[in-house]
Amino acid sequence: MSIERDGRRFLLICDECGEQHVELDFSEAVEFKRERKNGWRAVKDKATGVWADLCPDCAAGAAAHMEGFDD
């Protein structure tokens, strides 16, 4: 899972590079991840079928081996 608790805050963590975005509560972290304007994406690896949450930079570079951009 790409949302982890750190004390009283929640961290949205890129599964590829480890970039973090801090939110104050879990629902804010989930909402931030789902808002497409932020650039974060949930994608599925074509070869393994494993889902990953990616930051904007990693999502941009993942198009060749990922599918299923989560709306």
PDB file of N, CA and C in Angstrom:
ATOM      1  N   MET A   1       0.838  -1.183   0.000  1.00  0.00           N
ATOM      2  CA  MET A   1       0.000   0.000   0.000  1.00  0.00           C
ATOM      3  C   MET A   1       0.870   1.229   0.000  1.00  0.00           C
ATOM      4  N   SER A   2       0.456   2.216  -0.670  1.00  0.00           N
ATOM      5  CA  SER A   2       1.258   3.418  -0.831  1.00  0.00           C
ATOM      6  C   SER A   2       0.875   4.548   0.104  1.00  0.00           C
ATOM      7  N   ILE A   3      -0.053   4.298   0.998  1.00  0.00           N
ATOM      8  CA  ILE A   3      -0.374   5.295   2.017  1.00  0.00           C
ATOM      9  C   ILE A   3       0.010   4.695   3.353  1.00  0.00           C
ATOM     10  N   GLU A   4       0.922   5.366   4.047  1.00  0.00           N
ATOM     11  CA  GLU A   4       1.408   4.858   5.322  1.00  0.00           C
ATOM     12  C   GLU A   4       1.237   5.908   6.410  1.00  0.00           C
ATOM     13  N   ARG A   5       0.995   5.446   7.612  1.00  0.00           N
ATOM     14  CA  ARG A   5       0.847   6.339   8.758  1.00  0.00           C
ATOM     15  C   ARG A   5       2.221   6.645   9.346  1.00  0.00           C
ATOM     16  N   ASP A   6       2.439   7.920   9.664  1.00  0.00           N
ATOM     17  CA  ASP A   6       3.670   8.375  10.301  1.00  0.00           C
ATOM     18  C   ASP A   6       3.252   9.276  11.460  1.00  0.00           C
ATOM     19  N   GLY A   7       3.057   8.662  12.606  1.00  0.00           N
ATOM     20  CA  GLY A   7       2.556   9.427  13.749  1.00  0.00           C
ATOM     21  C   GLY A   7       1.129   9.866  13.505  1.00  0.00           C
ATOM     22  N   ARG A   8       0.906  11.178  13.475  1.00  0.00           N
ATOM     23  CA  ARG A   8      -0.435  11.722  13.252  1.00  0.00           C
ATOM     24  C   ARG A   8      -0.701  12.049  11.791  1.00  0.00           C
ATOM     25  N   ARG A   9       0.306  11.880  10.931  1.00  0.00           N
ATOM     26  CA  ARG A   9       0.160  12.209   9.517  1.00  0.00           C
ATOM     27  C   ARG A   9       0.121  10.933   8.679  1.00  0.00           C
ATOM     28  N   PHE A  10      -0.303  11.090   7.444  1.00  0.00           N
ATOM     29  CA  PHE A  10      -0.293   9.999   6.481  1.00  0.00           C
ATOM     30  C   PHE A  10       0.562  10.401   5.297  1.00  0.00           C
ATOM     31  N   LEU A  11       1.360   9.459   4.822  1.00  0.00           N
ATOM     32  CA  LEU A  11       2.258   9.694   3.708  1.00  0.00           C
ATOM     33  C   LEU A  11       1.778   8.926   2.485  1.00  0.00           C
ATOM     34  N   LEU A  12       1.640   9.616   1.375  1.00  0.00           N
ATOM     35  CA  LEU A  12       1.394   8.971   0.093  1.00  0.00           C
ATOM     36  C   LEU A  12       2.778   8.740  -0.495  1.00  0.00           C
ATOM     37  N   ILE A  13       3.139   7.470  -0.723  1.00  0.00           N
ATOM     38  CA  ILE A  13       4.498   7.115  -1.134  1.00  0.00           C
ATOM     39  C   ILE A  13       4.476   6.453  -2.509  1.00  0.00           C
ATOM     40  N   CYS A  14       5.331   6.953  -3.404  1.00  0.00           N
ATOM     41  CA  CYS A  14       5.461   6.372  -4.739  1.00  0.00           C
ATOM     42  C   CYS A  14       6.097   4.994  -4.614  1.00  0.00           C
ATOM     43  N   ASP A  15       5.453   3.984  -5.215  1.00  0.00           N
ATOM     44  CA  ASP A  15       5.976   2.620  -5.164  1.00  0.00           C
ATOM     45  C   ASP A  15       7.232   2.444  -6.012  1.00  0.00           C
ATOM     46  N   GLU A  16       7.512   3.375  -6.884  1.00  0.00           N
ATOM     47  CA  GLU A  16       8.683   3.263  -7.760  1.00  0.00           C
ATOM     48  C   GLU A  16       9.917   3.952  -7.177  1.00  0.00           C
ATOM     49  N   CYS A  17       9.789   5.245  -6.810  1.00  0.00           N
ATOM     50  CA  CYS A  17      10.964   6.016  -6.390  1.00  0.00           C
ATOM     51  C   CYS A  17      10.965   6.398  -4.908  1.00  0.00           C
ATOM     52  N   GLY A  18       9.824   6.240  -4.237  1.00  0.00           N
ATOM     53  CA  GLY A  18       9.753   6.570  -2.815  1.00  0.00           C
ATOM     54  C   GLY A  18       9.395   8.014  -2.513  1.00  0.00           C
ATOM     55  N   GLU A  19       9.110   8.817  -3.549  1.00  0.00           N
ATOM     56  CA  GLU A  19       8.701  10.205  -3.309  1.00  0.00           C
ATOM     57  C   GLU A  19       7.504  10.212  -2.364  1.00  0.00           C
ATOM     58  N   GLN A  20       7.456  11.207  -1.472  1.00  0.00           N
ATOM     59  CA  GLN A  20       6.383  11.264  -0.488  1.00  0.00           C
ATOM     60  C   GLN A  20       5.595  12.559  -0.597  1.00  0.00           C
ATOM     61  N   HIS A  21       4.305  12.441  -0.350  1.00  0.00           N
ATOM     62  CA  HIS A  21       3.423  13.599  -0.215  1.00  0.00           C
ATOM     63  C   HIS A  21       2.730  13.438   1.128  1.00  0.00           C
ATOM     64  N   VAL A  22       2.753  14.464   1.961  1.00  0.00           N
ATOM     65  CA  VAL A  22       2.212  14.378   3.314  1.00  0.00           C
ATOM     66  C   VAL A  22       0.799  14.955   3.362  1.00  0.00           C
ATOM     67  N   GLU A  23      -0.099  14.219   3.992  1.00  0.00           N
ATOM     68  CA  GLU A  23      -1.459  14.688   4.283  1.00  0.00           C
ATOM     69  C   GLU A  23      -1.702  14.510   5.777  1.00  0.00           C
ATOM     70  N   LEU A  24      -2.647  15.242   6.309  1.00  0.00           N
ATOM     71  CA  LEU A  24      -2.908  15.193   7.738  1.00  0.00           C
ATOM     72  C   LEU A  24      -3.816  14.049   8.151  1.00  0.00           C
ATOM     73  N   ASP A  25      -4.649  13.568   7.241  1.00  0.00           N
ATOM     74  CA  ASP A  25      -5.465  12.410   7.594  1.00  0.00           C
ATOM     75  C   ASP A  25      -5.595  11.472   6.392  1.00  0.00           C
ATOM     76  N   PHE A  26      -6.054  10.269   6.669  1.00  0.00           N
ATOM     77  CA  PHE A  26      -6.102   9.225   5.655  1.00  0.00           C
ATOM     78  C   PHE A  26      -7.002   9.615   4.484  1.00  0.00           C
ATOM     79  N   SER A  27      -8.175  10.161   4.769  1.00  0.00           N
ATOM     80  CA  SER A  27      -9.098  10.500   3.682  1.00  0.00           C
ATOM     81  C   SER A  27      -8.512  11.570   2.762  1.00  0.00           C
ATOM     82  N   GLU A  28      -7.741  12.514   3.306  1.00  0.00           N
ATOM     83  CA  GLU A  28      -7.081  13.525   2.479  1.00  0.00           C
ATOM     84  C   GLU A  28      -6.028  12.881   1.577  1.00  0.00           C
ATOM     85  N   ALA A  29      -5.298  11.910   2.102  1.00  0.00           N
ATOM     86  CA  ALA A  29      -4.283  11.222   1.309  1.00  0.00           C
ATOM     87  C   ALA A  29      -4.929  10.453   0.154  1.00  0.00           C
ATOM     88  N   VAL A  30      -6.024   9.767   0.432  1.00  0.00           N
ATOM     89  CA  VAL A  30      -6.731   9.019  -0.609  1.00  0.00           C
ATOM     90  C   VAL A  30      -7.272   9.976  -1.663  1.00  0.00           C
ATOM     91  N   GLU A  31      -7.889  11.070  -1.240  1.00  0.00           N
ATOM     92  CA  GLU A  31      -8.456  12.042  -2.175  1.00  0.00           C
ATOM     93  C   GLU A  31      -7.364  12.661  -3.044  1.00  0.00           C
ATOM     94  N   PHE A  32      -6.222  13.006  -2.447  1.00  0.00           N
ATOM     95  CA  PHE A  32      -5.118  13.580  -3.213  1.00  0.00           C
ATOM     96  C   PHE A  32      -4.667  12.599  -4.292  1.00  0.00           C
ATOM     97  N   LYS A  33      -4.550  11.328  -3.950  1.00  0.00           N
ATOM     98  CA  LYS A  33      -4.114  10.311  -4.906  1.00  0.00           C
ATOM     99  C   LYS A  33      -5.112  10.166  -6.048  1.00  0.00           C
ATOM    100  N   ARG A  34      -6.383  10.301  -5.757  1.00  0.00           N
ATOM    101  CA  ARG A  34      -7.428  10.099  -6.777  1.00  0.00           C
ATOM    102  C   ARG A  34      -7.607  11.290  -7.703  1.00  0.00           C
ATOM    103  N   GLU A  35      -7.216  12.479  -7.271  1.00  0.00           N
ATOM    104  CA  GLU A  35      -7.365  13.665  -8.108  1.00  0.00           C
ATOM    105  C   GLU A  35      -6.331  13.626  -9.228  1.00  0.00           C
ATOM    106  N   ARG A  36      -6.783  13.448 -10.444  1.00  0.00           N
ATOM    107  CA  ARG A  36      -5.879  13.283 -11.586  1.00  0.00           C
ATOM    108  C   ARG A  36      -5.008  14.515 -11.811  1.00  0.00           C
ATOM    109  N   LYS A  37      -5.462  15.692 -11.398  1.00  0.00           N
ATOM    110  CA  LYS A  37      -4.678  16.908 -11.632  1.00  0.00           C
ATOM    111  C   LYS A  37      -3.357  16.885 -10.864  1.00  0.00           C
ATOM    112  N   ASN A  38      -3.251  16.077  -9.829  1.00  0.00           N
ATOM    113  CA  ASN A  38      -2.024  15.984  -9.046  1.00  0.00           C
ATOM    114  C   ASN A  38      -0.964  15.125  -9.718  1.00  0.00           C
ATOM    115  N   GLY A  39      -1.357  14.332 -10.694  1.00  0.00           N
ATOM    116  CA  GLY A  39      -0.406  13.540 -11.449  1.00  0.00           C
ATOM    117  C   GLY A  39      -0.113  12.153 -10.891  1.00  0.00           C
ATOM    118  N   TRP A  40      -0.572  11.852  -9.686  1.00  0.00           N
ATOM    119  CA  TRP A  40      -0.367  10.507  -9.121  1.00  0.00           C
ATOM    120  C   TRP A  40      -1.293   9.532  -9.848  1.00  0.00           C
ATOM    121  N   ARG A  41      -0.807   8.312 -10.085  1.00  0.00           N
ATOM    122  CA  ARG A  41      -1.596   7.310 -10.798  1.00  0.00           C
ATOM    123  C   ARG A  41      -1.450   5.939 -10.140  1.00  0.00           C
ATOM    124  N   ALA A  42      -2.538   5.188 -10.167  1.00  0.00           N
ATOM    125  CA  ALA A  42      -2.510   3.770  -9.800  1.00  0.00           C
ATOM    126  C   ALA A  42      -2.448   3.024 -11.122  1.00  0.00           C
ATOM    127  N   VAL A  43      -1.394   2.236 -11.323  1.00  0.00           N
ATOM    128  CA  VAL A  43      -1.190   1.544 -12.592  1.00  0.00           C
ATOM    129  C   VAL A  43      -0.885   0.068 -12.347  1.00  0.00           C
ATOM    130  N   LYS A  44      -1.149  -0.729 -13.372  1.00  0.00           N
ATOM    131  CA  LYS A  44      -0.942  -2.173 -13.286  1.00  0.00           C
ATOM    132  C   LYS A  44       0.176  -2.586 -14.228  1.00  0.00           C
ATOM    133  N   ASP A  45       1.149  -3.321 -13.718  1.00  0.00           N
ATOM    134  CA  ASP A  45       2.256  -3.822 -14.537  1.00  0.00           C
ATOM    135  C   ASP A  45       1.723  -4.900 -15.472  1.00  0.00           C
ATOM    136  N   LYS A  46       1.953  -4.742 -16.777  1.00  0.00           N
ATOM    137  CA  LYS A  46       1.445  -5.704 -17.767  1.00  0.00           C
ATOM    138  C   LYS A  46       2.013  -7.105 -17.580  1.00  0.00           C
ATOM    139  N   ALA A  47       3.262  -7.204 -17.175  1.00  0.00           N
ATOM    140  CA  ALA A  47       3.913  -8.504 -17.053  1.00  0.00           C
ATOM    141  C   ALA A  47       3.520  -9.253 -15.790  1.00  0.00           C
ATOM    142  N   THR A  48       3.428  -8.535 -14.659  1.00  0.00           N
ATOM    143  CA  THR A  48       3.197  -9.205 -13.374  1.00  0.00           C
ATOM    144  C   THR A  48       1.772  -9.109 -12.865  1.00  0.00           C
ATOM    145  N   GLY A  49       1.018  -8.129 -13.353  1.00  0.00           N
ATOM    146  CA  GLY A  49      -0.337  -7.911 -12.861  1.00  0.00           C
ATOM    147  C   GLY A  49      -0.394  -7.188 -11.525  1.00  0.00           C
ATOM    148  N   VAL A  50       0.743  -6.710 -11.046  1.00  0.00           N
ATOM    149  CA  VAL A  50       0.818  -6.021  -9.753  1.00  0.00           C
ATOM    150  C   VAL A  50       0.496  -4.542  -9.934  1.00  0.00           C
ATOM    151  N   TRP A  51      -0.348  -4.013  -9.041  1.00  0.00           N
ATOM    152  CA  TRP A  51      -0.700  -2.596  -9.054  1.00  0.00           C
ATOM    153  C   TRP A  51       0.317  -1.788  -8.268  1.00  0.00           C
ATOM    154  N   ALA A  52       0.540  -0.545  -8.697  1.00  0.00           N
ATOM    155  CA  ALA A  52       1.465   0.355  -8.007  1.00  0.00           C
ATOM    156  C   ALA A  52       0.911   1.768  -8.053  1.00  0.00           C
ATOM    157  N   ASP A  53       1.197   2.533  -7.017  1.00  0.00           N
ATOM    158  CA  ASP A  53       0.873   3.955  -6.991  1.00  0.00           C
ATOM    159  C   ASP A  53       2.133   4.718  -7.340  1.00  0.00           C
ATOM    160  N   LEU A  54       2.032   5.600  -8.359  1.00  0.00           N
ATOM    161  CA  LEU A  54       3.198   6.291  -8.864  1.00  0.00           C
ATOM    162  C   LEU A  54       3.039   7.801  -8.788  1.00  0.00           C
ATOM    163  N   CYS A  55       4.145   8.478  -8.456  1.00  0.00           N
ATOM    164  CA  CYS A  55       4.187   9.943  -8.452  1.00  0.00           C
ATOM    165  C   CYS A  55       4.134  10.429  -9.904  1.00  0.00           C
ATOM    166  N   PRO A  56       3.947  11.721 -10.112  1.00  0.00           N
ATOM    167  CA  PRO A  56       3.853  12.232 -11.488  1.00  0.00           C
ATOM    168  C   PRO A  56       5.059  11.881 -12.364  1.00  0.00           C
ATOM    169  N   ASP A  57       6.278  12.007 -11.848  1.00  0.00           N
ATOM    170  CA  ASP A  57       7.464  11.707 -12.653  1.00  0.00           C
ATOM    171  C   ASP A  57       7.521  10.237 -13.051  1.00  0.00           C
ATOM    172  N   CYS A  58       7.269   9.351 -12.118  1.00  0.00           N
ATOM    173  CA  CYS A  58       7.312   7.915 -12.407  1.00  0.00           C
ATOM    174  C   CYS A  58       6.152   7.492 -13.305  1.00  0.00           C
ATOM    175  N   ALA A  59       4.979   8.079 -13.109  1.00  0.00           N
ATOM    176  CA  ALA A  59       3.822   7.748 -13.944  1.00  0.00           C
ATOM    177  C   ALA A  59       4.085   8.124 -15.393  1.00  0.00           C
ATOM    178  N   ALA A  60       4.747   9.262 -15.605  1.00  0.00           N
ATOM    179  CA  ALA A  60       5.045   9.701 -16.969  1.00  0.00           C
ATOM    180  C   ALA A  60       5.989   8.731 -17.672  1.00  0.00           C
ATOM    181  N   GLY A  61       6.910   8.128 -16.951  1.00  0.00           N
ATOM    182  CA  GLY A  61       7.873   7.218 -17.541  1.00  0.00           C
ATOM    183  C   GLY A  61       7.425   5.767 -17.583  1.00  0.00           C
ATOM    184  N   ALA A  62       6.260   5.473 -17.051  1.00  0.00           N
ATOM    185  CA  ALA A  62       5.821   4.081 -16.925  1.00  0.00           C
ATOM    186  C   ALA A  62       4.923   3.621 -18.068  1.00  0.00           C
ATOM    187  N   ALA A  63       4.599   4.477 -18.995  1.00  0.00           N
ATOM    188  CA  ALA A  63       3.619   4.150 -20.025  1.00  0.00           C
ATOM    189  C   ALA A  63       3.973   2.897 -20.820  1.00  0.00           C
ATOM    190  N   ALA A  64       5.235   2.624 -21.025  1.00  0.00           N
ATOM    191  CA  ALA A  64       5.627   1.486 -21.863  1.00  0.00           C
ATOM    192  C   ALA A  64       5.330   0.132 -21.214  1.00  0.00           C
ATOM    193  N   HIS A  65       5.403   0.035 -19.891  1.00  0.00           N
ATOM    194  CA  HIS A  65       5.222  -1.281 -19.262  1.00  0.00           C
ATOM    195  C   HIS A  65       4.038  -1.331 -18.282  1.00  0.00           C
ATOM    196  N   MET A  66       3.243  -0.281 -18.261  1.00  0.00           N
ATOM    197  CA  MET A  66       2.091  -0.252 -17.368  1.00  0.00           C
ATOM    198  C   MET A  66       0.806  -0.033 -18.149  1.00  0.00           C
ATOM    199  N   GLU A  67      -0.294  -0.450 -17.565  1.00  0.00           N
ATOM    200  CA  GLU A  67      -1.611  -0.233 -18.156  1.00  0.00           C
ATOM    201  C   GLU A  67      -2.607   0.034 -17.050  1.00  0.00           C
ATOM    202  N   GLY A  68      -3.833   0.318 -17.420  1.00  0.00           N
ATOM    203  CA  GLY A  68      -4.907   0.435 -16.450  1.00  0.00           C
ATOM    204  C   GLY A  68      -4.823   1.657 -15.569  1.00  0.00           C
ATOM    205  N   PHE A  69      -4.492   2.796 -16.169  1.00  0.00           N
ATOM    206  CA  PHE A  69      -4.457   4.001 -15.353  1.00  0.00           C
ATOM    207  C   PHE A  69      -5.799   4.153 -14.658  1.00  0.00           C
ATOM    208  N   ASP A  70      -5.744   4.207 -13.346  1.00  0.00           N
ATOM    209  CA  ASP A  70      -6.938   4.214 -12.504  1.00  0.00           C
ATOM    210  C   ASP A  70      -7.551   5.595 -12.475  1.00  0.00           C
ATOM    211  N   ASP A  71      -8.796   5.674 -12.876  1.00  0.00           N
ATOM    212  CA  ASP A  71      -9.521   6.944 -12.805  1.00  0.00           C
ATOM    213  C   ASP A  71     -10.185   7.026 -11.473  1.00  0.00           C
TER     214      ASP A  71
END
